[in-house]
């Protein structure tokens, strides 16, 4: 087994360079005294490459990035471009970093939308409950007022009526029944459950 020779340049005291020596010399490329100009040219080329502006294709389509699925699609395309050597690593790193920030913003926005919808639903339910309670309270007050009416005021005497007249007799009966039916209808409304007063009609209200 052939073992490669190490560079004989001493980096520190009792410490040698760990790079492999070049063929025909005891030094590596970085420590060979005869390659000073080549090393300087390589440094200049590396500096130019690092400072060169990365230009993306002019016809690069603008992607819609508003959902998690949109960001996932962008990351998939970026990964494939890096694998094919079509995209600089610095661009791909920036895309990955910005995608992480965008995903966090999308998740926060979605949470805020759900919170607003929940608050709206709670406020609507509370308003309906208060309206239902107010309607029931008004019905109870009206019922109590009707109950306080003396029965003597609703009772019609037949002294001044001609009993022999059938039409007059029917009018007298109707006049006696009307107040009682009205009281029964109001009491039915008063006895309606709080949760039903806004959604259901009492059974006695449909009839006359």
N, C-alpha and C. Protein backbone atom coordinates (compact mmCIF):
# COMPACT_ATOMS: atom_id res chain seq x y z
N UNK A 1 0.85 -1.19 0.00
CA UNK A 1 0.00 0.00 0.00
C UNK A 1 0.88 1.24 0.00
N UNK A 2 0.67 2.09 -0.98
CA UNK A 2 1.49 3.29 -1.11
C UNK A 2 0.95 4.36 -0.18
N UNK A 3 1.79 4.91 0.67
CA UNK A 3 1.41 5.98 1.58
C UNK A 3 1.85 7.32 1.00
N UNK A 4 0.92 8.29 0.99
CA UNK A 4 1.24 9.61 0.47
C UNK A 4 2.14 10.35 1.45
N UNK A 5 3.04 11.13 0.88
CA UNK A 5 3.96 11.90 1.70
C UNK A 5 3.29 13.17 2.19
N UNK A 6 3.59 13.55 3.41
CA UNK A 6 3.07 14.78 4.00
C UNK A 6 3.99 15.95 3.68
N UNK A 7 3.39 17.13 3.69
CA UNK A 7 4.16 18.34 3.47
C UNK A 7 5.13 18.51 4.65
N UNK A 8 6.36 18.88 4.34
CA UNK A 8 7.38 19.01 5.37
C UNK A 8 7.44 20.40 6.00
N UNK A 9 6.50 21.26 5.64
CA UNK A 9 6.51 22.61 6.19
C UNK A 9 6.05 22.56 7.65
N UNK A 10 6.82 23.24 8.51
CA UNK A 10 6.49 23.29 9.93
C UNK A 10 5.60 24.50 10.20
N UNK A 11 4.36 24.22 10.57
CA UNK A 11 3.42 25.29 10.88
C UNK A 11 3.79 25.94 12.20
N UNK A 12 3.98 25.13 13.22
CA UNK A 12 4.43 25.58 14.52
C UNK A 12 5.56 24.67 14.97
N UNK A 13 6.09 24.96 16.12
CA UNK A 13 7.18 24.14 16.63
C UNK A 13 6.67 22.73 16.90
N UNK A 14 7.33 21.78 16.36
CA UNK A 14 6.97 20.36 16.49
C UNK A 14 5.60 20.07 15.89
N UNK A 15 5.18 20.86 14.89
CA UNK A 15 3.88 20.63 14.24
C UNK A 15 4.04 20.90 12.74
N UNK A 16 3.82 19.87 11.94
CA UNK A 16 3.99 19.98 10.50
C UNK A 16 2.63 20.10 9.81
N UNK A 17 2.67 20.60 8.58
CA UNK A 17 1.45 20.71 7.77
C UNK A 17 0.92 19.31 7.47
N UNK A 18 -0.36 19.16 7.53
CA UNK A 18 -0.97 17.84 7.34
C UNK A 18 -1.42 17.60 5.90
N UNK A 19 -1.20 18.56 5.01
CA UNK A 19 -1.58 18.38 3.62
C UNK A 19 -0.58 17.47 2.91
N UNK A 20 -1.03 16.85 1.83
CA UNK A 20 -0.16 15.96 1.07
C UNK A 20 0.82 16.78 0.23
N UNK A 21 2.03 16.27 0.12
CA UNK A 21 3.06 16.94 -0.68
C UNK A 21 2.79 16.71 -2.16
N UNK A 22 3.22 17.64 -2.99
CA UNK A 22 3.04 17.52 -4.43
C UNK A 22 4.05 16.53 -5.01
N UNK A 23 3.74 16.08 -6.18
CA UNK A 23 4.65 15.14 -6.85
C UNK A 23 5.94 15.86 -7.23
N UNK A 24 7.04 15.28 -6.85
CA UNK A 24 8.35 15.84 -7.17
C UNK A 24 8.82 16.90 -6.20
N UNK A 25 8.12 17.14 -5.13
CA UNK A 25 8.54 18.13 -4.14
C UNK A 25 8.07 17.69 -2.76
N UNK A 26 8.70 18.28 -1.74
CA UNK A 26 8.33 17.94 -0.37
C UNK A 26 7.29 18.89 0.23
N UNK A 27 6.79 19.81 -0.56
CA UNK A 27 5.83 20.79 -0.04
C UNK A 27 4.48 20.64 -0.74
N UNK A 28 3.46 21.11 -0.06
CA UNK A 28 2.13 21.18 -0.68
C UNK A 28 2.03 22.46 -1.49
N UNK A 29 0.90 22.64 -2.15
CA UNK A 29 0.73 23.81 -3.01
C UNK A 29 0.81 25.10 -2.20
N UNK A 30 0.33 25.11 -0.98
CA UNK A 30 0.26 26.33 -0.20
C UNK A 30 1.60 26.71 0.44
N UNK A 31 2.53 25.76 0.53
CA UNK A 31 3.80 26.04 1.21
C UNK A 31 5.01 25.88 0.29
N UNK A 32 4.78 25.61 -0.97
CA UNK A 32 5.90 25.46 -1.90
C UNK A 32 6.48 26.84 -2.20
N UNK A 33 7.76 27.10 -1.89
CA UNK A 33 8.34 28.42 -2.12
C UNK A 33 8.37 28.83 -3.58
N UNK A 34 8.36 27.88 -4.49
CA UNK A 34 8.46 28.21 -5.91
C UNK A 34 7.10 28.54 -6.54
N UNK A 35 6.03 28.43 -5.78
CA UNK A 35 4.69 28.67 -6.33
C UNK A 35 4.03 29.91 -5.74
N UNK A 36 4.83 30.89 -5.40
CA UNK A 36 4.29 32.10 -4.79
C UNK A 36 3.35 32.85 -5.73
N UNK A 37 3.74 33.00 -7.01
CA UNK A 37 2.89 33.73 -7.95
C UNK A 37 1.58 32.98 -8.22
N UNK A 38 1.67 31.66 -8.33
CA UNK A 38 0.45 30.87 -8.56
C UNK A 38 -0.53 31.00 -7.39
N UNK A 39 0.02 31.02 -6.17
CA UNK A 39 -0.87 31.17 -5.01
C UNK A 39 -1.54 32.54 -4.99
N UNK A 40 -0.81 33.58 -5.35
CA UNK A 40 -1.38 34.92 -5.39
C UNK A 40 -2.49 35.01 -6.44
N UNK A 41 -2.27 34.40 -7.60
CA UNK A 41 -3.29 34.42 -8.65
C UNK A 41 -4.54 33.65 -8.21
N UNK A 42 -4.34 32.55 -7.51
CA UNK A 42 -5.48 31.77 -7.02
C UNK A 42 -6.29 32.56 -5.99
N UNK A 43 -5.59 33.33 -5.13
CA UNK A 43 -6.31 34.14 -4.15
C UNK A 43 -7.14 35.22 -4.84
N UNK A 44 -6.55 35.85 -5.87
CA UNK A 44 -7.29 36.89 -6.59
C UNK A 44 -8.53 36.30 -7.28
N UNK A 45 -8.38 35.14 -7.87
CA UNK A 45 -9.52 34.50 -8.54
C UNK A 45 -10.61 34.14 -7.53
N UNK A 46 -10.20 33.67 -6.36
CA UNK A 46 -11.19 33.34 -5.34
C UNK A 46 -11.93 34.56 -4.84
N UNK A 47 -11.21 35.68 -4.68
CA UNK A 47 -11.87 36.90 -4.24
C UNK A 47 -12.85 37.41 -5.28
N UNK A 48 -12.47 37.31 -6.55
CA UNK A 48 -13.39 37.75 -7.61
C UNK A 48 -14.65 36.89 -7.63
N UNK A 49 -14.48 35.59 -7.44
CA UNK A 49 -15.64 34.69 -7.45
C UNK A 49 -16.58 34.97 -6.28
N UNK A 50 -15.99 35.30 -5.13
CA UNK A 50 -16.84 35.56 -3.95
C UNK A 50 -17.60 36.87 -4.07
N UNK A 51 -17.02 37.86 -4.72
CA UNK A 51 -17.67 39.17 -4.82
C UNK A 51 -18.54 39.30 -6.08
N UNK A 52 -18.56 38.30 -6.92
CA UNK A 52 -19.35 38.37 -8.15
C UNK A 52 -20.84 38.32 -7.80
N UNK A 53 -21.61 39.22 -8.38
CA UNK A 53 -23.04 39.27 -8.12
C UNK A 53 -23.74 38.11 -8.82
N UNK A 54 -24.61 37.47 -8.07
CA UNK A 54 -25.35 36.34 -8.62
C UNK A 54 -26.55 36.88 -9.37
N UNK A 55 -26.64 36.52 -10.63
CA UNK A 55 -27.73 37.00 -11.47
C UNK A 55 -28.62 35.81 -11.83
N UNK A 56 -29.90 35.93 -11.49
CA UNK A 56 -30.86 34.90 -11.83
C UNK A 56 -31.41 35.16 -13.23
N UNK A 57 -32.01 34.17 -13.85
CA UNK A 57 -32.56 34.36 -15.20
C UNK A 57 -33.58 35.50 -15.24
N UNK A 58 -33.55 36.27 -16.33
CA UNK A 58 -34.45 37.42 -16.44
C UNK A 58 -35.91 36.99 -16.57
N UNK A 59 -36.14 35.81 -17.13
CA UNK A 59 -37.52 35.34 -17.33
C UNK A 59 -38.02 34.49 -16.15
N UNK A 60 -37.41 34.66 -14.99
CA UNK A 60 -37.83 33.88 -13.82
C UNK A 60 -39.24 34.29 -13.41
N UNK A 61 -40.13 33.32 -13.35
CA UNK A 61 -41.54 33.61 -13.04
C UNK A 61 -41.69 33.98 -11.57
N UNK A 62 -42.58 34.93 -11.32
CA UNK A 62 -42.89 35.34 -9.95
C UNK A 62 -43.90 34.36 -9.37
N UNK A 63 -43.56 33.75 -8.26
CA UNK A 63 -44.41 32.72 -7.67
C UNK A 63 -45.33 33.34 -6.63
N UNK A 64 -46.52 32.77 -6.53
CA UNK A 64 -47.50 33.18 -5.52
C UNK A 64 -47.20 32.41 -4.23
N UNK A 65 -46.88 33.14 -3.17
CA UNK A 65 -46.48 32.52 -1.91
C UNK A 65 -47.42 33.00 -0.80
N UNK A 66 -48.61 32.39 -0.74
CA UNK A 66 -49.60 32.79 0.26
C UNK A 66 -50.05 31.64 1.15
N UNK A 67 -49.73 30.42 0.77
CA UNK A 67 -50.12 29.26 1.57
C UNK A 67 -48.90 28.39 1.82
N UNK A 68 -49.07 27.43 2.72
CA UNK A 68 -47.99 26.49 3.02
C UNK A 68 -47.66 25.66 1.79
N UNK A 69 -48.68 25.30 1.01
CA UNK A 69 -48.45 24.52 -0.21
C UNK A 69 -47.61 25.30 -1.22
N UNK A 70 -47.82 26.61 -1.33
CA UNK A 70 -47.02 27.43 -2.25
C UNK A 70 -45.55 27.44 -1.84
N UNK A 71 -45.29 27.58 -0.55
CA UNK A 71 -43.91 27.60 -0.07
C UNK A 71 -43.26 26.23 -0.27
N UNK A 72 -43.99 25.16 -0.04
CA UNK A 72 -43.45 23.82 -0.24
C UNK A 72 -43.09 23.59 -1.71
N UNK A 73 -43.91 24.10 -2.61
CA UNK A 73 -43.61 23.96 -4.04
C UNK A 73 -42.34 24.72 -4.41
N UNK A 74 -42.17 25.92 -3.86
CA UNK A 74 -40.95 26.69 -4.13
C UNK A 74 -39.71 25.97 -3.62
N UNK A 75 -39.78 25.42 -2.42
CA UNK A 75 -38.63 24.70 -1.88
C UNK A 75 -38.29 23.48 -2.72
N UNK A 76 -39.31 22.78 -3.21
CA UNK A 76 -39.05 21.63 -4.07
C UNK A 76 -38.34 22.02 -5.35
N UNK A 77 -38.78 23.10 -5.98
CA UNK A 77 -38.11 23.57 -7.20
C UNK A 77 -36.68 24.01 -6.92
N UNK A 78 -36.47 24.68 -5.79
CA UNK A 78 -35.12 25.14 -5.45
C UNK A 78 -34.17 23.97 -5.23
N UNK A 79 -34.64 22.95 -4.55
CA UNK A 79 -33.80 21.77 -4.30
C UNK A 79 -33.41 21.11 -5.62
N UNK A 80 -34.35 20.98 -6.54
CA UNK A 80 -34.04 20.36 -7.83
C UNK A 80 -33.07 21.22 -8.64
N UNK A 81 -33.19 22.54 -8.57
CA UNK A 81 -32.25 23.42 -9.28
C UNK A 81 -30.84 23.29 -8.71
N UNK A 82 -30.73 23.16 -7.40
CA UNK A 82 -29.41 22.98 -6.79
C UNK A 82 -28.81 21.64 -7.22
N UNK A 83 -29.61 20.61 -7.26
CA UNK A 83 -29.11 19.29 -7.66
C UNK A 83 -28.63 19.29 -9.11
N UNK A 84 -29.28 20.04 -9.97
CA UNK A 84 -28.86 20.10 -11.38
C UNK A 84 -27.75 21.11 -11.61
N UNK A 85 -27.35 21.83 -10.57
CA UNK A 85 -26.30 22.82 -10.72
C UNK A 85 -26.76 24.10 -11.38
N UNK A 86 -28.06 24.37 -11.37
CA UNK A 86 -28.60 25.55 -12.03
C UNK A 86 -28.72 26.75 -11.09
N UNK A 87 -28.51 26.54 -9.81
CA UNK A 87 -28.71 27.61 -8.84
C UNK A 87 -27.54 27.66 -7.88
N UNK A 88 -27.06 28.87 -7.61
CA UNK A 88 -25.96 29.06 -6.69
C UNK A 88 -26.39 28.69 -5.27
N UNK A 89 -25.46 28.15 -4.51
CA UNK A 89 -25.77 27.73 -3.15
C UNK A 89 -26.17 28.90 -2.27
N UNK A 90 -25.61 30.07 -2.53
CA UNK A 90 -25.98 31.23 -1.72
C UNK A 90 -27.45 31.61 -1.94
N UNK A 91 -27.90 31.48 -3.17
CA UNK A 91 -29.31 31.77 -3.46
C UNK A 91 -30.21 30.73 -2.79
N UNK A 92 -29.82 29.47 -2.89
CA UNK A 92 -30.64 28.41 -2.29
C UNK A 92 -30.70 28.56 -0.77
N UNK A 93 -29.59 28.95 -0.15
CA UNK A 93 -29.61 29.17 1.30
C UNK A 93 -30.54 30.32 1.68
N UNK A 94 -30.51 31.39 0.88
CA UNK A 94 -31.40 32.52 1.15
C UNK A 94 -32.86 32.12 0.98
N UNK A 95 -33.14 31.31 -0.04
CA UNK A 95 -34.52 30.86 -0.26
C UNK A 95 -35.00 30.02 0.92
N UNK A 96 -34.14 29.12 1.41
CA UNK A 96 -34.53 28.30 2.55
C UNK A 96 -34.77 29.12 3.81
N UNK A 97 -33.91 30.10 4.06
CA UNK A 97 -34.06 30.93 5.25
C UNK A 97 -35.34 31.77 5.18
N UNK A 98 -35.56 32.42 4.04
CA UNK A 98 -36.75 33.26 3.89
C UNK A 98 -38.03 32.43 3.90
N UNK A 99 -37.96 31.21 3.40
CA UNK A 99 -39.14 30.34 3.42
C UNK A 99 -39.55 30.01 4.85
N UNK A 100 -38.56 29.80 5.72
CA UNK A 100 -38.88 29.55 7.12
C UNK A 100 -39.59 30.73 7.77
N UNK A 101 -39.12 31.94 7.49
CA UNK A 101 -39.78 33.14 8.03
C UNK A 101 -41.20 33.27 7.48
N UNK A 102 -41.37 33.00 6.18
CA UNK A 102 -42.69 33.12 5.56
C UNK A 102 -43.66 32.10 6.13
N UNK A 103 -43.20 30.88 6.38
CA UNK A 103 -44.09 29.86 6.96
C UNK A 103 -44.57 30.28 8.35
N UNK A 104 -43.67 30.85 9.14
CA UNK A 104 -44.08 31.33 10.47
C UNK A 104 -45.14 32.42 10.36
N UNK A 105 -44.96 33.34 9.41
CA UNK A 105 -45.94 34.42 9.23
C UNK A 105 -47.29 33.87 8.78
N UNK A 106 -47.29 32.87 7.89
CA UNK A 106 -48.55 32.29 7.41
C UNK A 106 -49.28 31.60 8.55
N UNK A 107 -48.56 30.84 9.37
CA UNK A 107 -49.19 30.16 10.49
C UNK A 107 -49.77 31.16 11.49
N UNK A 108 -49.06 32.24 11.75
CA UNK A 108 -49.56 33.26 12.68
C UNK A 108 -50.81 33.94 12.13
N UNK A 109 -50.80 34.25 10.82
CA UNK A 109 -51.96 34.88 10.21
C UNK A 109 -53.18 33.96 10.25
N UNK A 110 -52.97 32.67 10.00
CA UNK A 110 -54.08 31.71 10.05
C UNK A 110 -54.65 31.61 11.46
N UNK A 111 -53.78 31.64 12.47
CA UNK A 111 -54.25 31.57 13.86
C UNK A 111 -55.08 32.81 14.20
N UNK A 112 -54.63 33.98 13.76
CA UNK A 112 -55.37 35.21 14.05
C UNK A 112 -56.74 35.20 13.36
N UNK A 113 -56.82 34.67 12.14
CA UNK A 113 -58.11 34.60 11.45
C UNK A 113 -59.07 33.68 12.20
N UNK A 114 -58.57 32.53 12.67
CA UNK A 114 -59.44 31.63 13.43
C UNK A 114 -59.90 32.27 14.74
N UNK A 115 -59.00 33.04 15.37
CA UNK A 115 -59.36 33.70 16.62
C UNK A 115 -60.45 34.75 16.40
N UNK A 116 -60.32 35.53 15.33
CA UNK A 116 -61.34 36.55 15.03
C UNK A 116 -62.68 35.89 14.73
N UNK A 117 -62.68 34.79 13.98
CA UNK A 117 -63.93 34.09 13.68
C UNK A 117 -64.58 33.55 14.95
N UNK A 118 -63.76 33.04 15.87
CA UNK A 118 -64.30 32.52 17.13
C UNK A 118 -64.89 33.65 17.97
N UNK A 119 -64.20 34.78 18.05
CA UNK A 119 -64.73 35.91 18.82
C UNK A 119 -66.03 36.43 18.21
N UNK A 120 -66.12 36.46 16.89
CA UNK A 120 -67.36 36.90 16.24
C UNK A 120 -68.51 35.95 16.55
N UNK A 121 -68.24 34.64 16.51
CA UNK A 121 -69.29 33.67 16.81
C UNK A 121 -69.77 33.80 18.25
N UNK A 122 -68.84 34.00 19.18
CA UNK A 122 -69.22 34.15 20.59
C UNK A 122 -70.05 35.42 20.79
N UNK A 123 -69.65 36.52 20.15
CA UNK A 123 -70.41 37.77 20.28
C UNK A 123 -71.82 37.64 19.70
N UNK A 124 -71.94 36.95 18.57
CA UNK A 124 -73.26 36.75 17.97
C UNK A 124 -74.16 35.91 18.86
N UNK A 125 -73.59 34.83 19.41
CA UNK A 125 -74.37 33.97 20.31
C UNK A 125 -74.81 34.74 21.55
N UNK A 126 -73.93 35.57 22.09
CA UNK A 126 -74.26 36.35 23.29
C UNK A 126 -75.36 37.37 22.98
N UNK A 127 -75.29 38.01 21.81
CA UNK A 127 -76.32 38.97 21.43
C UNK A 127 -77.68 38.30 21.27
N UNK A 128 -77.69 37.11 20.66
CA UNK A 128 -78.95 36.39 20.50
C UNK A 128 -79.53 35.98 21.85
N UNK A 129 -78.65 35.57 22.77
CA UNK A 129 -79.13 35.17 24.10
C UNK A 129 -79.73 36.36 24.84
N UNK A 130 -79.08 37.54 24.75
CA UNK A 130 -79.61 38.73 25.41
C UNK A 130 -80.94 39.16 24.80
N UNK A 131 -81.05 39.07 23.47
CA UNK A 131 -82.31 39.42 22.81
C UNK A 131 -83.43 38.49 23.23
N UNK A 132 -83.11 37.19 23.32
CA UNK A 132 -84.11 36.21 23.74
C UNK A 132 -84.55 36.47 25.18
N UNK A 133 -83.59 36.81 26.04
CA UNK A 133 -83.92 37.08 27.44
C UNK A 133 -84.78 38.34 27.56
N UNK A 134 -84.47 39.37 26.76
CA UNK A 134 -85.27 40.60 26.80
C UNK A 134 -86.70 40.33 26.33
N UNK A 135 -86.85 39.50 25.28
CA UNK A 135 -88.19 39.18 24.79
C UNK A 135 -88.99 38.43 25.84
N UNK A 136 -88.35 37.51 26.52
CA UNK A 136 -89.07 36.76 27.57
C UNK A 136 -89.46 37.69 28.72
N UNK A 137 -88.57 38.63 29.08
CA UNK A 137 -88.88 39.55 30.17
C UNK A 137 -90.07 40.44 29.81
N UNK A 138 -90.12 40.92 28.56
CA UNK A 138 -91.25 41.74 28.13
C UNK A 138 -92.55 40.95 28.17
N UNK A 139 -92.48 39.68 27.79
CA UNK A 139 -93.68 38.83 27.82
C UNK A 139 -94.16 38.63 29.25
N UNK A 140 -93.23 38.43 30.17
CA UNK A 140 -93.62 38.24 31.58
C UNK A 140 -94.27 39.51 32.15
N UNK A 141 -93.71 40.67 31.81
CA UNK A 141 -94.28 41.93 32.31
C UNK A 141 -95.70 42.11 31.78
N UNK A 142 -95.89 41.85 30.46
CA UNK A 142 -97.22 41.98 29.88
C UNK A 142 -98.20 41.00 30.51
N UNK A 143 -97.73 39.78 30.77
CA UNK A 143 -98.59 38.77 31.38
C UNK A 143 -99.01 39.20 32.79
N UNK A 144 -98.07 39.74 33.55
CA UNK A 144 -98.41 40.19 34.91
C UNK A 144 -99.42 41.33 34.89
N UNK A 145 -99.27 42.22 33.92
CA UNK A 145 -100.23 43.32 33.84
C UNK A 145 -101.63 42.82 33.50
N UNK A 146 -101.71 41.85 32.61
CA UNK A 146 -103.03 41.31 32.26
C UNK A 146 -103.64 40.57 33.44
N UNK A 147 -102.81 39.87 34.20
CA UNK A 147 -103.33 39.15 35.37
C UNK A 147 -103.87 40.11 36.43
N UNK A 148 -103.34 41.34 36.43
CA UNK A 148 -103.80 42.31 37.43
C UNK A 148 -105.13 42.96 37.05
N UNK A 149 -105.63 42.72 35.84
CA UNK A 149 -106.92 43.30 35.44
C UNK A 149 -108.03 42.57 36.18
N UNK A 150 -108.89 43.27 36.91
CA UNK A 150 -109.99 42.60 37.62
C UNK A 150 -110.91 41.89 36.65
N UNK A 151 -111.35 40.72 37.06
CA UNK A 151 -112.22 39.94 36.20
C UNK A 151 -113.56 40.63 35.98
N UNK A 152 -113.97 41.48 36.93
CA UNK A 152 -115.24 42.18 36.81
C UNK A 152 -115.25 43.10 35.60
N UNK A 153 -114.01 43.60 35.20
CA UNK A 153 -113.96 44.50 34.06
C UNK A 153 -114.15 43.75 32.75
N UNK A 154 -113.82 42.46 32.74
CA UNK A 154 -113.94 41.68 31.52
C UNK A 154 -115.23 40.90 31.44
N UNK A 155 -116.00 40.90 32.53
CA UNK A 155 -117.26 40.15 32.55
C UNK A 155 -118.38 41.05 32.05
N UNK A 156 -119.10 40.59 31.10
CA UNK A 156 -120.19 41.36 30.50
C UNK A 156 -121.52 40.84 31.02
N UNK A 157 -122.31 41.73 31.54
CA UNK A 157 -123.64 41.34 32.04
C UNK A 157 -124.62 41.33 30.89
N UNK A 158 -125.66 40.55 31.08
CA UNK A 158 -126.67 40.41 30.03
C UNK A 158 -127.95 41.18 30.35
N UNK A 159 -127.87 42.08 31.33
CA UNK A 159 -129.08 42.79 31.72
C UNK A 159 -129.58 43.70 30.61
N UNK A 160 -128.63 44.35 29.92
CA UNK A 160 -129.03 45.31 28.89
C UNK A 160 -129.08 44.69 27.51
N UNK A 161 -128.95 43.35 27.42
CA UNK A 161 -128.97 42.69 26.13
C UNK A 161 -130.26 41.91 25.96
N UNK A 162 -130.67 41.75 24.74
CA UNK A 162 -131.87 40.99 24.41
C UNK A 162 -131.46 39.55 24.20
N UNK A 163 -131.73 38.69 25.20
CA UNK A 163 -131.30 37.30 25.13
C UNK A 163 -132.03 36.57 24.02
N UNK A 164 -133.24 37.04 23.69
CA UNK A 164 -134.00 36.37 22.65
C UNK A 164 -133.40 36.57 21.26
N UNK A 165 -132.50 37.60 21.17
CA UNK A 165 -131.85 37.86 19.88
C UNK A 165 -130.65 36.93 19.74
N UNK A 166 -130.61 36.00 18.78
CA UNK A 166 -129.46 35.06 18.66
C UNK A 166 -128.14 35.78 18.41
N UNK A 167 -128.16 36.82 17.57
CA UNK A 167 -126.91 37.52 17.26
C UNK A 167 -126.37 38.22 18.49
N UNK A 168 -127.29 38.80 19.29
CA UNK A 168 -126.84 39.46 20.52
C UNK A 168 -126.26 38.45 21.49
N UNK A 169 -126.86 37.27 21.55
CA UNK A 169 -126.32 36.24 22.44
C UNK A 169 -124.94 35.78 22.03
N UNK A 170 -124.72 35.64 20.73
CA UNK A 170 -123.38 35.25 20.25
C UNK A 170 -122.36 36.32 20.56
N UNK A 171 -122.75 37.59 20.39
CA UNK A 171 -121.82 38.67 20.72
C UNK A 171 -121.47 38.67 22.19
N UNK A 172 -122.42 38.37 23.02
CA UNK A 172 -122.15 38.34 24.46
C UNK A 172 -121.19 37.23 24.82
N UNK A 173 -121.38 36.06 24.22
CA UNK A 173 -120.47 34.94 24.49
C UNK A 173 -119.06 35.26 24.00
N UNK A 174 -118.97 35.83 22.80
CA UNK A 174 -117.65 36.18 22.26
C UNK A 174 -116.96 37.21 23.11
N UNK A 175 -117.71 38.17 23.61
CA UNK A 175 -117.10 39.21 24.44
C UNK A 175 -116.59 38.64 25.74
N UNK A 176 -117.22 37.60 26.26
CA UNK A 176 -116.74 37.00 27.51
C UNK A 176 -115.53 36.10 27.26
N UNK A 177 -115.44 35.48 26.08
CA UNK A 177 -114.35 34.55 25.81
C UNK A 177 -113.07 35.28 25.38
N UNK A 178 -113.20 36.39 24.72
CA UNK A 178 -112.02 37.06 24.16
C UNK A 178 -110.98 37.40 25.21
N UNK A 179 -111.32 38.02 26.35
CA UNK A 179 -110.28 38.32 27.34
C UNK A 179 -109.61 37.07 27.88
N UNK A 180 -110.39 36.03 28.10
CA UNK A 180 -109.80 34.79 28.64
C UNK A 180 -108.82 34.16 27.65
N UNK A 181 -109.20 34.14 26.37
CA UNK A 181 -108.29 33.58 25.37
C UNK A 181 -107.01 34.40 25.27
N UNK A 182 -107.15 35.72 25.36
CA UNK A 182 -105.95 36.56 25.31
C UNK A 182 -105.03 36.29 26.49
N UNK A 183 -105.59 36.09 27.68
CA UNK A 183 -104.77 35.79 28.86
C UNK A 183 -104.07 34.44 28.70
N UNK A 184 -104.80 33.44 28.16
CA UNK A 184 -104.17 32.13 27.97
C UNK A 184 -103.01 32.21 26.99
N UNK A 185 -103.15 33.00 25.94
CA UNK A 185 -102.07 33.13 24.97
C UNK A 185 -100.85 33.80 25.58
N UNK A 186 -101.06 34.84 26.37
CA UNK A 186 -99.95 35.53 27.01
C UNK A 186 -99.27 34.61 28.01
N UNK A 187 -100.04 33.85 28.75
CA UNK A 187 -99.44 32.92 29.72
C UNK A 187 -98.62 31.84 29.00
N UNK A 188 -99.10 31.40 27.85
CA UNK A 188 -98.33 30.41 27.08
C UNK A 188 -97.00 30.98 26.64
N UNK A 189 -96.99 32.25 26.24
CA UNK A 189 -95.73 32.89 25.88
C UNK A 189 -94.82 33.03 27.08
N UNK A 190 -95.40 33.35 28.23
CA UNK A 190 -94.59 33.54 29.43
C UNK A 190 -93.96 32.25 29.89
N UNK A 191 -94.64 31.11 29.62
CA UNK A 191 -94.11 29.82 30.06
C UNK A 191 -93.15 29.20 29.06
N UNK A 192 -92.89 29.87 27.93
CA UNK A 192 -91.97 29.33 26.94
C UNK A 192 -90.56 29.35 27.48
N UNK A 193 -89.76 28.29 27.16
CA UNK A 193 -88.38 28.21 27.65
C UNK A 193 -87.55 29.32 27.05
N UNK A 194 -86.53 29.85 27.80
CA UNK A 194 -85.70 30.95 27.28
C UNK A 194 -85.03 30.62 25.97
N UNK A 195 -84.62 29.38 25.77
CA UNK A 195 -83.93 29.02 24.54
C UNK A 195 -84.85 28.87 23.35
N UNK A 196 -86.22 28.86 23.59
CA UNK A 196 -87.15 28.64 22.50
C UNK A 196 -87.92 29.89 22.13
N UNK A 197 -87.84 30.94 22.97
CA UNK A 197 -88.68 32.10 22.74
C UNK A 197 -88.32 32.85 21.47
N UNK A 198 -87.10 32.67 20.98
CA UNK A 198 -86.69 33.38 19.78
C UNK A 198 -86.79 32.52 18.54
N UNK A 199 -87.02 31.22 18.72
CA UNK A 199 -86.98 30.33 17.57
C UNK A 199 -88.27 29.60 17.32
N UNK A 200 -89.20 29.50 18.34
CA UNK A 200 -90.42 28.75 18.18
C UNK A 200 -91.61 29.65 18.46
N UNK A 201 -92.77 29.29 17.89
CA UNK A 201 -94.02 30.02 18.09
C UNK A 201 -94.91 29.22 19.01
N UNK A 202 -95.46 29.80 20.07
CA UNK A 202 -96.32 29.05 20.98
C UNK A 202 -97.48 28.44 20.25
N UNK A 203 -97.89 27.26 20.70
CA UNK A 203 -98.94 26.51 20.02
C UNK A 203 -100.26 27.24 20.08
N UNK A 204 -100.50 28.03 21.13
CA UNK A 204 -101.78 28.72 21.25
C UNK A 204 -101.85 30.01 20.49
N UNK A 205 -100.73 30.45 19.88
CA UNK A 205 -100.73 31.75 19.22
C UNK A 205 -101.29 31.69 17.82
N UNK A 206 -101.24 30.50 17.20
CA UNK A 206 -101.70 30.41 15.82
C UNK A 206 -103.20 30.50 15.75
N UNK A 207 -103.91 29.95 16.76
CA UNK A 207 -105.37 29.97 16.75
C UNK A 207 -105.91 31.30 17.19
N UNK A 208 -107.22 31.57 17.01
CA UNK A 208 -107.80 32.86 17.40
C UNK A 208 -108.17 32.85 18.85
